[in-house]
Structure formats: structure tokens, C-alpha cells
Full PDB file with SEQRES, HELIX, SHEET, SSBOND, CRYST1, ORIGX, SCALE, CONECT and MASTER records, all heavy atoms in Angstrom:
SEQRES   1 A   37  ASP ASP LEU ARG LEU LYS PRO LEU ASP ALA SER GLU PHE          
SEQRES   2 A   37  MET GLU ASN ARG PRO SER ARG ALA THR GLY PRO LEU GLN          
SEQRES   3 A   37  ILE ALA HIS GLY ASP ILE ALA ARG ALA CYS GLY                  
HELIX    1 AA1 GLY A   23  LEU A   25  5                                   3    
HELIX    2 AA2 GLY A   30  CYS A   36  1                                   7    
CRYST1    1.000    1.000    1.000  90.00  90.00  90.00 P 1           1          
ORIGX1      1.000000  0.000000  0.000000        0.00000                         
ORIGX2      0.000000  1.000000  0.000000        0.00000                         
ORIGX3      0.000000  0.000000  1.000000        0.00000                         
SCALE1      1.000000  0.000000  0.000000        0.00000                         
SCALE2      0.000000  1.000000  0.000000        0.00000                         
SCALE3      0.000000  0.000000  1.000000        0.00000                         
ATOM      1  N   ASP A   1      14.959  11.277 -12.398  1.00  0.00           N  
ATOM      2  CA  ASP A   1      15.428  12.018 -11.222  1.00  0.00           C  
ATOM      3  C   ASP A   1      15.301  11.130  -9.988  1.00  0.00           C  
ATOM      4  O   ASP A   1      14.815  11.555  -8.944  1.00  0.00           O  
ATOM      5  CB  ASP A   1      14.597  13.296 -11.058  1.00  0.00           C  
ATOM      6  CG  ASP A   1      15.164  14.222  -9.982  1.00  0.00           C  
ATOM      7  OD1 ASP A   1      16.371  14.118  -9.697  1.00  0.00           O  
ATOM      8  OD2 ASP A   1      14.398  15.011  -9.411  1.00  0.00           O  
ATOM      9  N   ASP A   2      15.767   9.897 -10.131  1.00  0.00           N  
ATOM     10  CA  ASP A   2      15.433   8.891  -9.142  1.00  0.00           C  
ATOM     11  C   ASP A   2      16.613   8.441  -8.277  1.00  0.00           C  
ATOM     12  O   ASP A   2      16.458   7.582  -7.432  1.00  0.00           O  
ATOM     13  CB  ASP A   2      14.833   7.661  -9.839  1.00  0.00           C  
ATOM     14  CG  ASP A   2      13.771   8.060 -10.843  1.00  0.00           C  
ATOM     15  OD1 ASP A   2      12.935   8.915 -10.493  1.00  0.00           O  
ATOM     16  OD2 ASP A   2      13.805   7.552 -11.974  1.00  0.00           O  
ATOM     17  N   LEU A   3      17.797   9.023  -8.501  1.00  0.00           N  
ATOM     18  CA  LEU A   3      18.970   8.607  -7.738  1.00  0.00           C  
ATOM     19  C   LEU A   3      19.203   9.578  -6.584  1.00  0.00           C  
ATOM     20  O   LEU A   3      20.297  10.108  -6.378  1.00  0.00           O  
ATOM     21  CB  LEU A   3      20.195   8.532  -8.652  1.00  0.00           C  
ATOM     22  CG  LEU A   3      20.044   7.588  -9.845  1.00  0.00           C  
ATOM     23  CD1 LEU A   3      21.346   7.483 -10.615  1.00  0.00           C  
ATOM     24  CD2 LEU A   3      19.582   6.202  -9.393  1.00  0.00           C  
ATOM     25  N   ARG A   4      18.145   9.808  -5.833  1.00  0.00           N  
ATOM     26  CA  ARG A   4      18.200  10.652  -4.649  1.00  0.00           C  
ATOM     27  C   ARG A   4      17.002  10.312  -3.778  1.00  0.00           C  
ATOM     28  O   ARG A   4      16.073   9.630  -4.222  1.00  0.00           O  
ATOM     29  CB  ARG A   4      18.166  12.137  -5.038  1.00  0.00           C  
ATOM     30  CG  ARG A   4      16.854  12.579  -5.685  1.00  0.00           C  
ATOM     31  CD  ARG A   4      16.847  14.056  -6.031  1.00  0.00           C  
ATOM     32  NE  ARG A   4      15.580  14.474  -6.631  1.00  0.00           N  
ATOM     33  CZ  ARG A   4      14.528  14.902  -5.943  1.00  0.00           C  
ATOM     34  NH1 ARG A   4      14.573  14.953  -4.616  1.00  0.00           N  
ATOM     35  NH2 ARG A   4      13.416  15.278  -6.559  1.00  0.00           N  
ATOM     36  N   LEU A   5      17.023  10.787  -2.552  1.00  0.00           N  
ATOM     37  CA  LEU A   5      15.860  10.619  -1.686  1.00  0.00           C  
ATOM     38  C   LEU A   5      14.793  11.621  -2.109  1.00  0.00           C  
ATOM     39  O   LEU A   5      15.062  12.808  -2.274  1.00  0.00           O  
ATOM     40  CB  LEU A   5      16.249  10.825  -0.228  1.00  0.00           C  
ATOM     41  CG  LEU A   5      17.270   9.832   0.345  1.00  0.00           C  
ATOM     42  CD1 LEU A   5      17.549  10.135   1.804  1.00  0.00           C  
ATOM     43  CD2 LEU A   5      16.785   8.399   0.175  1.00  0.00           C  
ATOM     44  N   LYS A   6      13.577  11.132  -2.269  1.00  0.00           N  
ATOM     45  CA  LYS A   6      12.487  11.964  -2.782  1.00  0.00           C  
ATOM     46  C   LYS A   6      11.359  12.020  -1.751  1.00  0.00           C  
ATOM     47  O   LYS A   6      10.516  11.127  -1.694  1.00  0.00           O  
ATOM     48  CB  LYS A   6      11.976  11.402  -4.114  1.00  0.00           C  
ATOM     49  CG  LYS A   6      13.028  11.369  -5.208  1.00  0.00           C  
ATOM     50  CD  LYS A   6      12.533  10.665  -6.467  1.00  0.00           C  
ATOM     51  CE  LYS A   6      11.415  11.415  -7.156  1.00  0.00           C  
ATOM     52  NZ  LYS A   6      11.069  10.795  -8.458  1.00  0.00           N  
ATOM     53  N   PRO A   7      11.328  13.065  -0.935  1.00  0.00           N  
ATOM     54  CA  PRO A   7      10.205  13.205   0.017  1.00  0.00           C  
ATOM     55  C   PRO A   7       8.922  13.521  -0.730  1.00  0.00           C  
ATOM     56  O   PRO A   7       8.931  14.148  -1.790  1.00  0.00           O  
ATOM     57  CB  PRO A   7      10.639  14.367   0.909  1.00  0.00           C  
ATOM     58  CG  PRO A   7      11.573  15.165   0.058  1.00  0.00           C  
ATOM     59  CD  PRO A   7      12.293  14.180  -0.823  1.00  0.00           C  
ATOM     60  N   LEU A   8       7.804  13.083  -0.180  1.00  0.00           N  
ATOM     61  CA  LEU A   8       6.501  13.319  -0.792  1.00  0.00           C  
ATOM     62  C   LEU A   8       5.690  14.260   0.083  1.00  0.00           C  
ATOM     63  O   LEU A   8       5.507  14.007   1.274  1.00  0.00           O  
ATOM     64  CB  LEU A   8       5.744  11.991  -0.960  1.00  0.00           C  
ATOM     65  CG  LEU A   8       4.340  12.105  -1.574  1.00  0.00           C  
ATOM     66  CD1 LEU A   8       4.419  12.502  -3.040  1.00  0.00           C  
ATOM     67  CD2 LEU A   8       3.574  10.793  -1.410  1.00  0.00           C  
ATOM     68  N   ASP A   9       5.202  15.325  -0.519  1.00  0.00           N  
ATOM     69  CA  ASP A   9       4.292  16.233   0.165  1.00  0.00           C  
ATOM     70  C   ASP A   9       2.860  15.820  -0.183  1.00  0.00           C  
ATOM     71  O   ASP A   9       2.389  16.073  -1.279  1.00  0.00           O  
ATOM     72  CB  ASP A   9       4.559  17.678  -0.264  1.00  0.00           C  
ATOM     73  CG  ASP A   9       3.616  18.666   0.423  1.00  0.00           C  
ATOM     74  OD1 ASP A   9       2.845  18.238   1.305  1.00  0.00           O  
ATOM     75  OD2 ASP A   9       3.651  19.856   0.066  1.00  0.00           O  
ATOM     76  N   ALA A  10       2.204  15.161   0.746  1.00  0.00           N  
ATOM     77  CA  ALA A  10       0.851  14.655   0.495  1.00  0.00           C  
ATOM     78  C   ALA A  10      -0.213  15.539   1.127  1.00  0.00           C  
ATOM     79  O   ALA A  10      -1.341  15.098   1.343  1.00  0.00           O  
ATOM     80  CB  ALA A  10       0.729  13.229   1.021  1.00  0.00           C  
ATOM     81  N   SER A  11       0.135  16.789   1.399  1.00  0.00           N  
ATOM     82  CA  SER A  11      -0.800  17.677   2.099  1.00  0.00           C  
ATOM     83  C   SER A  11      -2.070  17.929   1.291  1.00  0.00           C  
ATOM     84  O   SER A  11      -3.123  18.216   1.866  1.00  0.00           O  
ATOM     85  CB  SER A  11      -0.120  19.009   2.427  1.00  0.00           C  
ATOM     86  OG  SER A  11       0.345  19.653   1.241  1.00  0.00           O  
ATOM     87  N   GLU A  12      -1.979  17.847  -0.026  1.00  0.00           N  
ATOM     88  CA  GLU A  12      -3.148  18.093  -0.863  1.00  0.00           C  
ATOM     89  C   GLU A  12      -3.802  16.796  -1.342  1.00  0.00           C  
ATOM     90  O   GLU A  12      -4.723  16.836  -2.157  1.00  0.00           O  
ATOM     91  CB  GLU A  12      -2.763  18.961  -2.060  1.00  0.00           C  
ATOM     92  CG  GLU A  12      -2.295  20.362  -1.659  1.00  0.00           C  
ATOM     93  CD  GLU A  12      -2.037  21.262  -2.848  1.00  0.00           C  
ATOM     94  OE1 GLU A  12      -2.280  20.820  -3.996  1.00  0.00           O  
ATOM     95  OE2 GLU A  12      -1.599  22.403  -2.636  1.00  0.00           O  
ATOM     96  N   PHE A  13      -3.323  15.667  -0.861  1.00  0.00           N  
ATOM     97  CA  PHE A  13      -3.945  14.401  -1.224  1.00  0.00           C  
ATOM     98  C   PHE A  13      -5.325  14.308  -0.581  1.00  0.00           C  
ATOM     99  O   PHE A  13      -5.571  14.877   0.479  1.00  0.00           O  
ATOM    100  CB  PHE A  13      -3.082  13.219  -0.778  1.00  0.00           C  
ATOM    101  CG  PHE A  13      -1.911  12.934  -1.686  1.00  0.00           C  
ATOM    102  CD1 PHE A  13      -1.287  13.945  -2.398  1.00  0.00           C  
ATOM    103  CD2 PHE A  13      -1.420  11.647  -1.821  1.00  0.00           C  
ATOM    104  CE1 PHE A  13      -0.211  13.692  -3.227  1.00  0.00           C  
ATOM    105  CE2 PHE A  13      -0.342  11.375  -2.639  1.00  0.00           C  
ATOM    106  CZ  PHE A  13       0.266  12.396  -3.339  1.00  0.00           C  
ATOM    107  N   MET A  14      -6.205  13.554  -1.219  1.00  0.00           N  
ATOM    108  CA  MET A  14      -7.580  13.414  -0.741  1.00  0.00           C  
ATOM    109  C   MET A  14      -7.764  12.099   0.020  1.00  0.00           C  
ATOM    110  O   MET A  14      -7.089  11.112  -0.261  1.00  0.00           O  
ATOM    111  CB  MET A  14      -8.549  13.443  -1.927  1.00  0.00           C  
ATOM    112  CG  MET A  14      -8.493  14.724  -2.743  1.00  0.00           C  
ATOM    113  SD  MET A  14      -9.391  14.562  -4.318  1.00  0.00           S  
ATOM    114  CE  MET A  14      -8.293  13.463  -5.224  1.00  0.00           C  
ATOM    115  N   GLU A  15      -8.709  12.103   0.932  1.00  0.00           N  
ATOM    116  CA  GLU A  15      -9.019  10.891   1.695  1.00  0.00           C  
ATOM    117  C   GLU A  15      -9.884   9.956   0.866  1.00  0.00           C  
ATOM    118  O   GLU A  15     -10.855  10.368   0.245  1.00  0.00           O  
ATOM    119  CB  GLU A  15      -9.736  11.272   2.982  1.00  0.00           C  
ATOM    120  CG  GLU A  15      -9.969  10.121   3.931  1.00  0.00           C  
ATOM    121  CD  GLU A  15     -10.625  10.562   5.224  1.00  0.00           C  
ATOM    122  OE1 GLU A  15      -9.920  11.083   6.110  1.00  0.00           O  
ATOM    123  OE2 GLU A  15     -11.865  10.408   5.324  1.00  0.00           O  
ATOM    124  N   ASN A  16      -9.505   8.682   0.851  1.00  0.00           N  
ATOM    125  CA  ASN A  16     -10.291   7.662   0.162  1.00  0.00           C  
ATOM    126  C   ASN A  16     -10.516   6.495   1.126  1.00  0.00           C  
ATOM    127  O   ASN A  16      -9.606   6.097   1.852  1.00  0.00           O  
ATOM    128  CB  ASN A  16      -9.555   7.167  -1.089  1.00  0.00           C  
ATOM    129  CG  ASN A  16     -10.341   6.102  -1.834  1.00  0.00           C  
ATOM    130  OD1 ASN A  16     -11.501   6.288  -2.176  1.00  0.00           O  
ATOM    131  ND2 ASN A  16      -9.713   4.949  -2.073  1.00  0.00           N  
ATOM    132  N   ARG A  17     -11.736   5.975   1.134  1.00  0.00           N  
ATOM    133  CA  ARG A  17     -12.073   4.873   2.034  1.00  0.00           C  
ATOM    134  C   ARG A  17     -12.424   3.626   1.224  1.00  0.00           C  
ATOM    135  O   ARG A  17     -13.561   3.485   0.766  1.00  0.00           O  
ATOM    136  CB  ARG A  17     -13.239   5.272   2.951  1.00  0.00           C  
ATOM    137  CG  ARG A  17     -12.892   6.381   3.926  1.00  0.00           C  
ATOM    138  CD  ARG A  17     -14.047   6.749   4.848  1.00  0.00           C  
ATOM    139  NE  ARG A  17     -13.644   7.732   5.837  1.00  0.00           N  
ATOM    140  CZ  ARG A  17     -13.106   7.441   7.021  1.00  0.00           C  
ATOM    141  NH1 ARG A  17     -12.962   6.163   7.358  1.00  0.00           N  
ATOM    142  NH2 ARG A  17     -12.753   8.394   7.858  1.00  0.00           N  
ATOM    143  N   PRO A  18     -11.462   2.744   1.024  1.00  0.00           N  
ATOM    144  CA  PRO A  18     -11.743   1.520   0.270  1.00  0.00           C  
ATOM    145  C   PRO A  18     -12.703   0.612   1.033  1.00  0.00           C  
ATOM    146  O   PRO A  18     -12.765   0.648   2.265  1.00  0.00           O  
ATOM    147  CB  PRO A  18     -10.365   0.870   0.109  1.00  0.00           C  
ATOM    148  CG  PRO A  18      -9.549   1.430   1.231  1.00  0.00           C  
ATOM    149  CD  PRO A  18     -10.068   2.814   1.477  1.00  0.00           C  
ATOM    150  N   SER A  19     -13.439  -0.201   0.288  1.00  0.00           N  
ATOM    151  CA  SER A  19     -14.427  -1.089   0.901  1.00  0.00           C  
ATOM    152  C   SER A  19     -13.901  -2.510   1.093  1.00  0.00           C  
ATOM    153  O   SER A  19     -14.576  -3.359   1.672  1.00  0.00           O  
ATOM    154  CB  SER A  19     -15.692  -1.139   0.034  1.00  0.00           C  
ATOM    155  OG  SER A  19     -15.387  -1.621  -1.266  1.00  0.00           O  
ATOM    156  N   ARG A  20     -12.699  -2.767   0.617  1.00  0.00           N  
ATOM    157  CA  ARG A  20     -12.119  -4.106   0.706  1.00  0.00           C  
ATOM    158  C   ARG A  20     -10.609  -4.000   0.483  1.00  0.00           C  
ATOM    159  O   ARG A  20     -10.100  -2.934   0.163  1.00  0.00           O  
ATOM    160  CB  ARG A  20     -12.745  -5.049  -0.330  1.00  0.00           C  
ATOM    161  CG  ARG A  20     -12.554  -4.575  -1.763  1.00  0.00           C  
ATOM    162  CD  ARG A  20     -13.459  -5.313  -2.721  1.00  0.00           C  
ATOM    163  NE  ARG A  20     -13.286  -4.858  -4.091  1.00  0.00           N  
ATOM    164  CZ  ARG A  20     -13.811  -3.761  -4.599  1.00  0.00           C  
ATOM    165  NH1 ARG A  20     -14.553  -2.970  -3.835  1.00  0.00           N  
ATOM    166  NH2 ARG A  20     -13.604  -3.419  -5.853  1.00  0.00           N  
ATOM    167  N   ALA A  21      -9.925  -5.112   0.639  1.00  0.00           N  
ATOM    168  CA  ALA A  21      -8.475  -5.138   0.455  1.00  0.00           C  
ATOM    169  C   ALA A  21      -8.153  -5.191  -1.035  1.00  0.00           C  
ATOM    170  O   ALA A  21      -7.968  -6.261  -1.618  1.00  0.00           O  
ATOM    171  CB  ALA A  21      -7.875  -6.339   1.179  1.00  0.00           C  
ATOM    172  N   THR A  22      -8.088  -4.027  -1.657  1.00  0.00           N  
ATOM    173  CA  THR A  22      -7.805  -3.952  -3.085  1.00  0.00           C  
ATOM    174  C   THR A  22      -6.323  -4.231  -3.360  1.00  0.00           C  
ATOM    175  O   THR A  22      -5.518  -4.338  -2.430  1.00  0.00           O  
ATOM    176  CB  THR A  22      -8.182  -2.574  -3.641  1.00  0.00           C  
ATOM    177  OG1 THR A  22      -7.478  -1.567  -2.893  1.00  0.00           O  
ATOM    178  CG2 THR A  22      -9.688  -2.336  -3.506  1.00  0.00           C  
ATOM    179  N   GLY A  23      -5.972  -4.303  -4.641  1.00  0.00           N  
ATOM    180  CA  GLY A  23      -4.642  -4.733  -5.074  1.00  0.00           C  
ATOM    181  C   GLY A  23      -3.454  -4.168  -4.322  1.00  0.00           C  
ATOM    182  O   GLY A  23      -2.602  -4.922  -3.847  1.00  0.00           O  
ATOM    183  N   PRO A  24      -3.340  -2.835  -4.148  1.00  0.00           N  
ATOM    184  CA  PRO A  24      -2.172  -2.301  -3.441  1.00  0.00           C  
ATOM    185  C   PRO A  24      -2.325  -2.260  -1.925  1.00  0.00           C  
ATOM    186  O   PRO A  24      -1.433  -1.800  -1.234  1.00  0.00           O  
ATOM    187  CB  PRO A  24      -2.067  -0.875  -3.999  1.00  0.00           C  
ATOM    188  CG  PRO A  24      -3.475  -0.501  -4.331  1.00  0.00           C  
ATOM    189  CD  PRO A  24      -4.140  -1.771  -4.786  1.00  0.00           C  
ATOM    190  N   LEU A  25      -3.453  -2.740  -1.407  1.00  0.00           N  
ATOM    191  CA  LEU A  25      -3.749  -2.617   0.025  1.00  0.00           C  
ATOM    192  C   LEU A  25      -4.003  -3.975   0.671  1.00  0.00           C  
ATOM    193  O   LEU A  25      -4.705  -4.066   1.669  1.00  0.00           O  
ATOM    194  CB  LEU A  25      -4.971  -1.705   0.229  1.00  0.00           C  
ATOM    195  CG  LEU A  25      -4.862  -0.288  -0.333  1.00  0.00           C  
ATOM    196  CD1 LEU A  25      -6.188   0.456  -0.174  1.00  0.00           C  
ATOM    197  CD2 LEU A  25      -3.737   0.491   0.340  1.00  0.00           C  
ATOM    198  N   GLN A  26      -3.415  -5.020   0.142  1.00  0.00           N  
ATOM    199  CA  GLN A  26      -3.641  -6.369   0.664  1.00  0.00           C  
ATOM    200  C   GLN A  26      -2.526  -6.743   1.635  1.00  0.00           C  
ATOM    201  O   GLN A  26      -1.393  -7.018   1.241  1.00  0.00           O  
ATOM    202  CB  GLN A  26      -3.699  -7.380  -0.484  1.00  0.00           C  
ATOM    203  CG  GLN A  26      -4.897  -7.157  -1.403  1.00  0.00           C  
ATOM    204  CD  GLN A  26      -4.979  -8.190  -2.510  1.00  0.00           C  
ATOM    205  OE1 GLN A  26      -3.968  -8.643  -3.034  1.00  0.00           O  
ATOM    206  NE2 GLN A  26      -6.191  -8.573  -2.869  1.00  0.00           N  
ATOM    207  N   ILE A  27      -2.863  -6.772   2.918  1.00  0.00           N  
ATOM    208  CA  ILE A  27      -1.899  -7.133   3.961  1.00  0.00           C  
ATOM    209  C   ILE A  27      -2.325  -8.483   4.526  1.00  0.00           C  
ATOM    210  O   ILE A  27      -3.314  -8.577   5.260  1.00  0.00           O  
ATOM    211  CB  ILE A  27      -1.854  -6.067   5.069  1.00  0.00           C  
ATOM    212  CG1 ILE A  27      -1.655  -4.663   4.470  1.00  0.00           C  
ATOM    213  CG2 ILE A  27      -0.742  -6.383   6.061  1.00  0.00           C  
ATOM    214  CD1 ILE A  27      -1.768  -3.539   5.491  1.00  0.00           C  
ATOM    215  N   ALA A  28      -1.605  -9.525   4.156  1.00  0.00           N  
ATOM    216  CA  ALA A  28      -2.009 -10.893   4.499  1.00  0.00           C  
ATOM    217  C   ALA A  28      -1.195 -11.429   5.673  1.00  0.00           C  
ATOM    218  O   ALA A  28       0.001 -11.123   5.833  1.00  0.00           O  
ATOM    219  CB  ALA A  28      -1.833 -11.811   3.290  1.00  0.00           C  
ATOM    220  N   HIS A  29      -1.850 -12.218   6.501  1.00  0.00           N  
ATOM    221  CA  HIS A  29      -1.165 -12.926   7.581  1.00  0.00           C  
ATOM    222  C   HIS A  29      -0.112 -13.847   6.957  1.00  0.00           C  
ATOM    223  O   HIS A  29      -0.358 -14.511   5.954  1.00  0.00           O  
ATOM    224  CB  HIS A  29      -2.184 -13.734   8.379  1.00  0.00           C  
ATOM    225  CG  HIS A  29      -1.682 -14.250   9.685  1.00  0.00           C  
ATOM    226  ND1 HIS A  29      -0.774 -15.283   9.772  1.00  0.00           N  
ATOM    227  CD2 HIS A  29      -1.956 -13.873  10.972  1.00  0.00           C  
ATOM    228  CE1 HIS A  29      -0.521 -15.534  11.041  1.00  0.00           C  
ATOM    229  NE2 HIS A  29      -1.218 -14.688  11.801  1.00  0.00           N  
ATOM    230  N   GLY A  30       1.073 -13.885   7.553  1.00  0.00           N  
ATOM    231  CA  GLY A  30       2.156 -14.680   6.986  1.00  0.00           C  
ATOM    232  C   GLY A  30       1.816 -16.147   6.816  1.00  0.00           C  
ATOM    233  O   GLY A  30       2.213 -16.779   5.828  1.00  0.00           O  
ATOM    234  N   ASP A  31       1.064 -16.726   7.761  1.00  0.00           N  
ATOM    235  CA  ASP A  31       0.707 -18.137   7.657  1.00  0.00           C  
ATOM    236  C   ASP A  31      -0.251 -18.387   6.498  1.00  0.00           C  
ATOM    237  O   ASP A  31      -0.198 -19.449   5.858  1.00  0.00           O  
ATOM    238  CB  ASP A  31       0.083 -18.615   8.966  1.00  0.00           C  
ATOM    239  CG  ASP A  31       1.121 -18.808  10.066  1.00  0.00           C  
ATOM    240  OD1 ASP A  31       2.280 -18.391   9.857  1.00  0.00           O  
ATOM    241  OD2 ASP A  31       0.776 -19.357  11.124  1.00  0.00           O  
ATOM    242  N   ILE A  32      -1.129 -17.431   6.224  1.00  0.00           N  
ATOM    243  CA  ILE A  32      -2.010 -17.544   5.058  1.00  0.00           C  
ATOM    244  C   ILE A  32      -1.187 -17.521   3.781  1.00  0.00           C  
ATOM    245  O   ILE A  32      -1.405 -18.315   2.856  1.00  0.00           O  
ATOM    246  CB  ILE A  32      -3.047 -16.395   5.053  1.00  0.00           C  
ATOM    247  CG1 ILE A  32      -4.138 -16.648   6.086  1.00  0.00           C  
ATOM    248  CG2 ILE A  32      -3.676 -16.206   3.666  1.00  0.00           C  
ATOM    249  CD1 ILE A  32      -5.115 -17.754   5.725  1.00  0.00           C  
ATOM    250  N   ALA A  33      -0.227 -16.594   3.707  1.00  0.00           N  
ATOM    251  CA  ALA A  33       0.602 -16.473   2.511  1.00  0.00           C  
ATOM    252  C   ALA A  33       1.389 -17.749   2.262  1.00  0.00           C  
ATOM    253  O   ALA A  33       1.425 -18.264   1.131  1.00  0.00           O  
ATOM    254  CB  ALA A  33       1.539 -15.281   2.642  1.00  0.00           C  
ATOM    255  N   ARG A  34       2.012 -18.273   3.289  1.00  0.00           N  
ATOM    256  CA  ARG A  34       2.837 -19.472   3.110  1.00  0.00           C  
ATOM    257  C   ARG A  34       2.002 -20.690   2.740  1.00  0.00           C  
ATOM    258  O   ARG A  34       2.414 -21.523   1.930  1.00  0.00           O  
ATOM    259  CB  ARG A  34       3.636 -19.738   4.391  1.00  0.00           C  
ATOM    260  CG  ARG A  34       4.806 -18.782   4.587  1.00  0.00           C  
ATOM    261  CD  ARG A  34       5.584 -19.103   5.857  1.00  0.00           C  
ATOM    262  NE  ARG A  34       4.868 -18.661   7.055  1.00  0.00           N  
ATOM    263  CZ  ARG A  34       4.980 -17.449   7.596  1.00  0.00           C  
ATOM    264  NH1 ARG A  34       5.764 -16.552   7.029  1.00  0.00           N  
ATOM    265  NH2 ARG A  34       4.317 -17.124   8.695  1.00  0.00           N  
ATOM    266  N   ALA A  35       0.814 -20.812   3.319  1.00  0.00           N  
ATOM    267  CA  ALA A  35      -0.025 -21.979   3.069  1.00  0.00           C  
ATOM    268  C   ALA A  35      -0.787 -21.894   1.752  1.00  0.00           C  
ATOM    269  O   ALA A  35      -0.961 -22.905   1.061  1.00  0.00           O  
ATOM    270  CB  ALA A  35      -1.016 -22.160   4.224  1.00  0.00           C  
ATOM    271  N   CYS A  36      -1.235 -20.694   1.385  1.00  0.00           N  
ATOM    272  CA  CYS A  36      -2.126 -20.543   0.233  1.00  0.00           C  
ATOM    273  C   CYS A  36      -1.445 -19.942  -0.983  1.00  0.00           C  
ATOM    274  O   CYS A  36      -1.959 -20.067  -2.102  1.00  0.00           O  
ATOM    275  CB  CYS A  36      -3.322 -19.663   0.608  1.00  0.00           C  
ATOM    276  SG  CYS A  36      -4.274 -20.292   2.016  1.00  0.00           S  
ATOM    277  N   GLY A  37      -0.298 -19.283  -0.792  1.00  0.00           N  
ATOM    278  CA  GLY A  37       0.333 -18.610  -1.913  1.00  0.00           C  
ATOM    279  C   GLY A  37      -0.513 -17.449  -2.402  1.00  0.00           C  
ATOM    280  O   GLY A  37      -1.305 -16.873  -1.657  1.00  0.00           O  
TER     281      GLY A  37                                                      
MASTER        0    0    0    2    0    0    0    6  280    1    0    3          
END                                                                             
């Protein structure tokens, strides 16, 4: 059912507080990415 726009209702989602930049939450500075891969 993926050939349409699918809004997400996250009203019942729970709050989670990660302690570090885990796999899906890694936001790297562009210069770091280009230099280090």
C-alpha cells in the first residue's frame, strides 16, 4: 500500500532518550563525512 502519501499518527509513540548517536540518528558534519568516509 505504498503508492500513495502515507501520513503517520505518532500521538501514541513513546519518548526515548538515546545516550549517543546510534545507527539511525547519526548526523555528521559534511567535512567529516567527506574526509573520513
